[in-house]
Amino acid sequence: MATQPHTAPPPPGRVDSGAVKLVVPSLIGALVALTLGVYGHLHNPTGYAINIAGFSSPGAVKSWLATGAFVFALVQVCSALVMYGKVPRVAAPSWIGGLHRWSGRIAFLLAVPVAVHCLYALGFQSYSTRVLVHSLLGCAFFGAFTIKMLILPRSGLPGWTLPALGALVFTALTGLWFTSAFWFFSTFGIGH
């Protein structure tokens, strides 16, 4: 009967180095989320809105920018699945990494003006369930995004870390899109 090799448990009080490498980025991400929420709650909303020529209203501008961010986030998810070999019978082409990085950058750049407008003009609101969920997801998105960006250059992390954080960022953005742009388009129409 073969026996399994015995591995000694880590000494008491010793923490996994991969976990330690997640602590500081996680604390910074939590601080970003908390700061955005506190600022949005304490800041007196100005009501001033961004508007871009060709759009019918600031709500339309925000909804289309958010939709663009969501579409590029979908490209991020699909390219990540190809890069990690999760799409059967599809070999990762040499350009997939560039597509993944640039789609993420564009998604973030489209999301920033929406967030700035939301924080400055509207603040952190809780007058309805949809709006409260949207406010919480906005803070969570930027907190999770911060953590993801801070762990990218780190080595020695568990293999699940980056995909899990990417999924968290995408889930928060999806919730943001449904509680804002989808709601706007279904309430006022796409042509509004």
C-alpha atoms as a PDB file:
ATOM      1  CA  MET A   1       0.000   0.000   0.000  1.00  0.00           C
ATOM      2  CA  ALA A   2       1.487   3.316  -1.113  1.00  0.00           C
ATOM      3  CA  THR A   3       1.448   6.151   1.291  1.00  0.00           C
ATOM      4  CA  GLN A   4       1.116   9.778   0.458  1.00  0.00           C
ATOM      5  CA  PRO A   5       4.159  11.897   1.237  1.00  0.00           C
ATOM      6  CA  HIS A   6       3.677  13.797   4.422  1.00  0.00           C
ATOM      7  CA  THR A   7       3.962  17.561   4.223  1.00  0.00           C
ATOM      8  CA  ALA A   8       4.312  19.449   7.419  1.00  0.00           C
ATOM      9  CA  PRO A   9       1.763  22.130   8.118  1.00  0.00           C
ATOM     10  CA  PRO A  10       3.041  25.694   8.042  1.00  0.00           C
ATOM     11  CA  PRO A  11       4.445  26.867  11.343  1.00  0.00           C
ATOM     12  CA  PRO A  12       1.898  28.491  13.661  1.00  0.00           C
ATOM     13  CA  GLY A  13       1.469  32.215  13.036  1.00  0.00           C
ATOM     14  CA  ARG A  14       2.893  32.042   9.510  1.00  0.00           C
ATOM     15  CA  VAL A  15       0.636  33.548   6.861  1.00  0.00           C
ATOM     16  CA  ASP A  16       0.574  32.507   3.209  1.00  0.00           C
ATOM     17  CA  SER A  17       2.645  35.032   1.216  1.00  0.00           C
ATOM     18  CA  GLY A  18       0.020  35.095  -1.567  1.00  0.00           C
ATOM     19  CA  ALA A  19      -2.582  36.242   0.942  1.00  0.00           C
ATOM     20  CA  VAL A  20      -0.250  38.920   2.282  1.00  0.00           C
ATOM     21  CA  LYS A  21       0.243  40.253  -1.248  1.00  0.00           C
ATOM     22  CA  LEU A  22      -3.535  40.754  -1.467  1.00  0.00           C
ATOM     23  CA  VAL A  23      -3.929  42.631   1.819  1.00  0.00           C
ATOM     24  CA  VAL A  24      -2.510  46.029   0.837  1.00  0.00           C
ATOM     25  CA  PRO A  25      -4.249  46.221  -2.575  1.00  0.00           C
ATOM     26  CA  SER A  26      -7.505  45.109  -0.927  1.00  0.00           C
ATOM     27  CA  LEU A  27      -7.212  47.763   1.758  1.00  0.00           C
ATOM     28  CA  ILE A  28      -6.489  50.436  -0.851  1.00  0.00           C
ATOM     29  CA  GLY A  29      -9.444  49.270  -2.981  1.00  0.00           C
ATOM     30  CA  ALA A  30     -11.717  49.323   0.059  1.00  0.00           C
ATOM     31  CA  LEU A  31     -10.485  52.822   0.866  1.00  0.00           C
ATOM     32  CA  VAL A  32     -11.256  53.964  -2.700  1.00  0.00           C
ATOM     33  CA  ALA A  33     -14.783  52.529  -2.512  1.00  0.00           C
ATOM     34  CA  LEU A  34     -15.397  54.024   0.926  1.00  0.00           C
ATOM     35  CA  THR A  35     -13.991  57.422  -0.075  1.00  0.00           C
ATOM     36  CA  LEU A  36     -16.226  57.580  -3.149  1.00  0.00           C
ATOM     37  CA  GLY A  37     -19.274  56.639  -1.085  1.00  0.00           C
ATOM     38  CA  VAL A  38     -18.527  59.133   1.690  1.00  0.00           C
ATOM     39  CA  TYR A  39     -17.723  61.922  -0.776  1.00  0.00           C
ATOM     40  CA  GLY A  40     -20.858  61.184  -2.793  1.00  0.00           C
ATOM     41  CA  HIS A  41     -22.968  61.196   0.378  1.00  0.00           C
ATOM     42  CA  LEU A  42     -21.472  64.329   1.955  1.00  0.00           C
ATOM     43  CA  HIS A  43     -21.059  66.323  -1.259  1.00  0.00           C
ATOM     44  CA  ASN A  44     -23.974  68.599  -2.006  1.00  0.00           C
ATOM     45  CA  PRO A  45     -25.052  67.528  -5.526  1.00  0.00           C
ATOM     46  CA  THR A  46     -24.744  70.389  -7.999  1.00  0.00           C
ATOM     47  CA  GLY A  47     -27.282  69.144 -10.502  1.00  0.00           C
ATOM     48  CA  TYR A  48     -24.969  70.312 -13.305  1.00  0.00           C
ATOM     49  CA  ALA A  49     -24.870  67.708 -15.995  1.00  0.00           C
ATOM     50  CA  ILE A  50     -22.529  66.778 -18.802  1.00  0.00           C
ATOM     51  CA  ASN A  51     -23.936  66.984 -22.263  1.00  0.00           C
ATOM     52  CA  ILE A  52     -22.377  66.315 -25.613  1.00  0.00           C
ATOM     53  CA  ALA A  53     -23.641  67.643 -28.925  1.00  0.00           C
ATOM     54  CA  GLY A  54     -25.785  65.117 -30.702  1.00  0.00           C
ATOM     55  CA  PHE A  55     -27.339  63.653 -27.556  1.00  0.00           C
ATOM     56  CA  SER A  56     -30.803  64.616 -26.394  1.00  0.00           C
ATOM     57  CA  SER A  57     -29.992  64.819 -22.683  1.00  0.00           C
ATOM     58  CA  PRO A  58     -27.308  64.239 -20.066  1.00  0.00           C
ATOM     59  CA  GLY A  59     -29.058  60.952 -19.238  1.00  0.00           C
ATOM     60  CA  ALA A  60     -28.608  59.845 -22.841  1.00  0.00           C
ATOM     61  CA  VAL A  61     -24.901  60.795 -22.772  1.00  0.00           C
ATOM     62  CA  LYS A  62     -24.335  58.814 -19.581  1.00  0.00           C
ATOM     63  CA  SER A  63     -26.340  55.849 -20.843  1.00  0.00           C
ATOM     64  CA  TRP A  64     -24.454  55.610 -24.130  1.00  0.00           C
ATOM     65  CA  LEU A  65     -21.050  56.051 -22.472  1.00  0.00           C
ATOM     66  CA  ALA A  66     -21.996  53.356 -19.939  1.00  0.00           C
ATOM     67  CA  THR A  67     -23.177  51.110 -22.769  1.00  0.00           C
ATOM     68  CA  GLY A  68     -19.858  51.602 -24.553  1.00  0.00           C
ATOM     69  CA  ALA A  69     -18.002  50.715 -21.355  1.00  0.00           C
ATOM     70  CA  PHE A  70     -20.167  47.615 -20.959  1.00  0.00           C
ATOM     71  CA  VAL A  71     -19.537  46.483 -24.552  1.00  0.00           C
ATOM     72  CA  PHE A  72     -15.770  46.872 -24.137  1.00  0.00           C
ATOM     73  CA  ALA A  73     -16.021  44.993 -20.838  1.00  0.00           C
ATOM     74  CA  LEU A  74     -17.700  42.151 -22.734  1.00  0.00           C
ATOM     75  CA  VAL A  75     -14.710  42.171 -25.113  1.00  0.00           C
ATOM     76  CA  GLN A  76     -12.493  41.952 -22.017  1.00  0.00           C
ATOM     77  CA  VAL A  77     -14.334  38.888 -20.729  1.00  0.00           C
ATOM     78  CA  CYS A  78     -14.292  37.128 -24.109  1.00  0.00           C
ATOM     79  CA  SER A  79     -10.610  37.881 -24.706  1.00  0.00           C
ATOM     80  CA  ALA A  80      -9.740  36.693 -21.186  1.00  0.00           C
ATOM     81  CA  LEU A  81     -11.562  33.415 -21.808  1.00  0.00           C
ATOM     82  CA  VAL A  82      -9.554  32.915 -24.996  1.00  0.00           C
ATOM     83  CA  MET A  83      -6.257  33.893 -23.295  1.00  0.00           C
ATOM     84  CA  TYR A  84      -6.841  31.460 -20.420  1.00  0.00           C
ATOM     85  CA  GLY A  85      -7.776  28.637 -22.811  1.00  0.00           C
ATOM     86  CA  LYS A  86     -11.391  28.433 -21.662  1.00  0.00           C
ATOM     87  CA  VAL A  87     -12.841  28.507 -25.188  1.00  0.00           C
ATOM     88  CA  PRO A  88     -12.631  24.982 -26.667  1.00  0.00           C
ATOM     89  CA  ARG A  89     -10.868  24.599 -30.006  1.00  0.00           C
ATOM     90  CA  VAL A  90      -9.772  28.229 -30.115  1.00  0.00           C
ATOM     91  CA  ALA A  91      -6.058  28.886 -29.908  1.00  0.00           C
ATOM     92  CA  ALA A  92      -5.168  32.293 -28.516  1.00  0.00           C
ATOM     93  CA  PRO A  93      -3.940  34.493 -31.378  1.00  0.00           C
ATOM     94  CA  SER A  94      -0.899  36.679 -30.774  1.00  0.00           C
ATOM     95  CA  TRP A  95      -2.984  39.869 -30.743  1.00  0.00           C
ATOM     96  CA  ILE A  96      -5.460  38.753 -28.047  1.00  0.00           C
ATOM     97  CA  GLY A  97      -3.422  40.220 -25.178  1.00  0.00           C
ATOM     98  CA  GLY A  98      -3.373  43.636 -26.852  1.00  0.00           C
ATOM     99  CA  LEU A  99      -7.105  43.450 -27.511  1.00  0.00           C
ATOM    100  CA  HIS A 100      -7.675  42.547 -23.865  1.00  0.00           C
ATOM    101  CA  ARG A 101      -5.576  45.429 -22.526  1.00  0.00           C
ATOM    102  CA  TRP A 102      -6.966  48.061 -24.899  1.00  0.00           C
ATOM    103  CA  SER A 103     -10.594  47.024 -24.453  1.00  0.00           C
ATOM    104  CA  GLY A 104     -10.107  47.373 -20.699  1.00  0.00           C
ATOM    105  CA  ARG A 105      -8.515  50.787 -21.059  1.00  0.00           C
ATOM    106  CA  ILE A 106     -11.307  52.022 -23.316  1.00  0.00           C
ATOM    107  CA  ALA A 107     -13.998  50.621 -21.003  1.00  0.00           C
ATOM    108  CA  PHE A 108     -12.421  52.428 -18.066  1.00  0.00           C
ATOM    109  CA  LEU A 109     -12.041  55.695 -20.007  1.00  0.00           C
ATOM    110  CA  LEU A 110     -15.724  55.557 -20.969  1.00  0.00           C
ATOM    111  CA  ALA A 111     -16.754  54.842 -17.364  1.00  0.00           C
ATOM    112  CA  VAL A 112     -14.799  57.692 -15.748  1.00  0.00           C
ATOM    113  CA  PRO A 113     -16.851  60.643 -17.100  1.00  0.00           C
ATOM    114  CA  VAL A 114     -20.033  58.843 -16.098  1.00  0.00           C
ATOM    115  CA  ALA A 115     -18.719  58.334 -12.565  1.00  0.00           C
ATOM    116  CA  VAL A 116     -17.494  61.911 -12.284  1.00  0.00           C
ATOM    117  CA  HIS A 117     -20.867  63.187 -13.415  1.00  0.00           C
ATOM    118  CA  CYS A 118     -22.729  60.882 -11.048  1.00  0.00           C
ATOM    119  CA  LEU A 119     -20.607  61.913  -8.065  1.00  0.00           C
ATOM    120  CA  TYR A 120     -20.546  65.632  -8.833  1.00  0.00           C
ATOM    121  CA  ALA A 121     -24.049  66.235 -10.162  1.00  0.00           C
ATOM    122  CA  LEU A 122     -26.030  63.592  -8.292  1.00  0.00           C
ATOM    123  CA  GLY A 123     -23.994  62.290  -5.347  1.00  0.00           C
ATOM    124  CA  PHE A 124     -24.603  59.048  -3.470  1.00  0.00           C
ATOM    125  CA  GLN A 125     -28.384  58.650  -3.445  1.00  0.00           C
ATOM    126  CA  SER A 126     -30.731  56.204  -1.744  1.00  0.00           C
ATOM    127  CA  TYR A 127     -34.239  57.470  -2.584  1.00  0.00           C
ATOM    128  CA  SER A 128     -35.145  54.194  -4.337  1.00  0.00           C
ATOM    129  CA  THR A 129     -33.818  50.644  -4.274  1.00  0.00           C
ATOM    130  CA  ARG A 130     -32.523  50.924  -7.842  1.00  0.00           C
ATOM    131  CA  VAL A 131     -30.652  54.140  -7.104  1.00  0.00           C
ATOM    132  CA  LEU A 132     -29.197  52.816  -3.833  1.00  0.00           C
ATOM    133  CA  VAL A 133     -27.999  49.621  -5.545  1.00  0.00           C
ATOM    134  CA  HIS A 134     -26.532  51.749  -8.344  1.00  0.00           C
ATOM    135  CA  SER A 135     -24.677  53.965  -5.869  1.00  0.00           C
ATOM    136  CA  LEU A 136     -23.283  50.968  -3.986  1.00  0.00           C
ATOM    137  CA  LEU A 137     -22.242  49.217  -7.199  1.00  0.00           C
ATOM    138  CA  GLY A 138     -20.468  52.349  -8.425  1.00  0.00           C
ATOM    139  CA  CYS A 139     -18.340  52.451  -5.293  1.00  0.00           C
ATOM    140  CA  ALA A 140     -17.744  48.679  -5.458  1.00  0.00           C
ATOM    141  CA  PHE A 141     -16.749  48.844  -9.141  1.00  0.00           C
ATOM    142  CA  PHE A 142     -14.040  51.441  -8.612  1.00  0.00           C
ATOM    143  CA  GLY A 143     -12.811  49.700  -5.454  1.00  0.00           C
ATOM    144  CA  ALA A 144     -12.574  46.312  -7.190  1.00  0.00           C
ATOM    145  CA  PHE A 145     -10.994  47.897 -10.273  1.00  0.00           C
ATOM    146  CA  THR A 146      -8.342  49.492  -8.042  1.00  0.00           C
ATOM    147  CA  ILE A 147      -7.521  46.141  -6.451  1.00  0.00           C
ATOM    148  CA  LYS A 148      -7.302  44.457  -9.856  1.00  0.00           C
ATOM    149  CA  MET A 149      -4.935  47.089 -11.218  1.00  0.00           C
ATOM    150  CA  LEU A 150      -2.737  46.929  -8.114  1.00  0.00           C
ATOM    151  CA  ILE A 151      -2.323  43.135  -8.258  1.00  0.00           C
ATOM    152  CA  LEU A 152      -1.586  42.941 -11.996  1.00  0.00           C
ATOM    153  CA  PRO A 153       2.174  43.429 -11.634  1.00  0.00           C
ATOM    154  CA  ARG A 154       2.473  41.107  -8.615  1.00  0.00           C
ATOM    155  CA  SER A 155       3.733  37.569  -8.948  1.00  0.00           C
ATOM    156  CA  GLY A 156       3.225  34.697  -6.559  1.00  0.00           C
ATOM    157  CA  LEU A 157      -0.517  35.176  -6.166  1.00  0.00           C
ATOM    158  CA  PRO A 158      -2.918  32.236  -6.330  1.00  0.00           C
ATOM    159  CA  GLY A 159      -3.999  31.532  -9.914  1.00  0.00           C
ATOM    160  CA  TRP A 160      -7.637  32.295  -9.176  1.00  0.00           C
ATOM    161  CA  THR A 161      -6.958  35.840  -7.965  1.00  0.00           C
ATOM    162  CA  LEU A 162      -6.908  37.791 -11.225  1.00  0.00           C
ATOM    163  CA  PRO A 163      -9.848  35.956 -12.858  1.00  0.00           C
ATOM    164  CA  ALA A 164     -11.901  36.334  -9.670  1.00  0.00           C
ATOM    165  CA  LEU A 165     -11.207  40.065  -9.450  1.00  0.00           C
ATOM    166  CA  GLY A 166     -11.911  40.459 -13.165  1.00  0.00           C
ATOM    167  CA  ALA A 167     -15.237  38.700 -12.646  1.00  0.00           C
ATOM    168  CA  LEU A 168     -16.018  40.965  -9.685  1.00  0.00           C
ATOM    169  CA  VAL A 169     -15.231  44.104 -11.705  1.00  0.00           C
ATOM    170  CA  PHE A 170     -17.337  42.846 -14.630  1.00  0.00           C
ATOM    171  CA  THR A 171     -20.234  41.885 -12.346  1.00  0.00           C
ATOM    172  CA  ALA A 172     -20.236  45.331 -10.718  1.00  0.00           C
ATOM    173  CA  LEU A 173     -20.146  47.034 -14.132  1.00  0.00           C
ATOM    174  CA  THR A 174     -22.976  44.818 -15.365  1.00  0.00           C
ATOM    175  CA  GLY A 175     -25.069  45.768 -12.339  1.00  0.00           C
ATOM    176  CA  LEU A 176     -24.229  49.429 -12.905  1.00  0.00           C
ATOM    177  CA  TRP A 177     -25.306  49.175 -16.530  1.00  0.00           C
ATOM    178  CA  PHE A 178     -28.601  47.469 -15.664  1.00  0.00           C
ATOM    179  CA  THR A 179     -29.420  49.995 -12.922  1.00  0.00           C
ATOM    180  CA  SER A 180     -28.603  52.980 -15.140  1.00  0.00           C
ATOM    181  CA  ALA A 181     -28.389  52.651 -18.925  1.00  0.00           C
ATOM    182  CA  PHE A 182     -30.749  49.699 -19.267  1.00  0.00           C
ATOM    183  CA  TRP A 183     -33.218  51.427 -16.954  1.00  0.00           C
ATOM    184  CA  PHE A 184     -32.864  54.697 -18.919  1.00  0.00           C
ATOM    185  CA  PHE A 185     -33.357  53.024 -22.318  1.00  0.00           C
ATOM    186  CA  SER A 186     -36.307  50.951 -21.132  1.00  0.00           C
ATOM    187  CA  THR A 187     -37.924  53.987 -19.486  1.00  0.00           C
ATOM    188  CA  PHE A 188     -37.262  56.703 -22.079  1.00  0.00           C
ATOM    189  CA  GLY A 189     -36.321  54.731 -25.186  1.00  0.00           C
ATOM    190  CA  ILE A 190     -33.072  54.399 -27.106  1.00  0.00           C
ATOM    191  CA  GLY A 191     -33.744  57.415 -29.306  1.00  0.00           C
ATOM    192  CA  HIS A 192     -34.203  59.771 -26.354  1.00  0.00           C
END
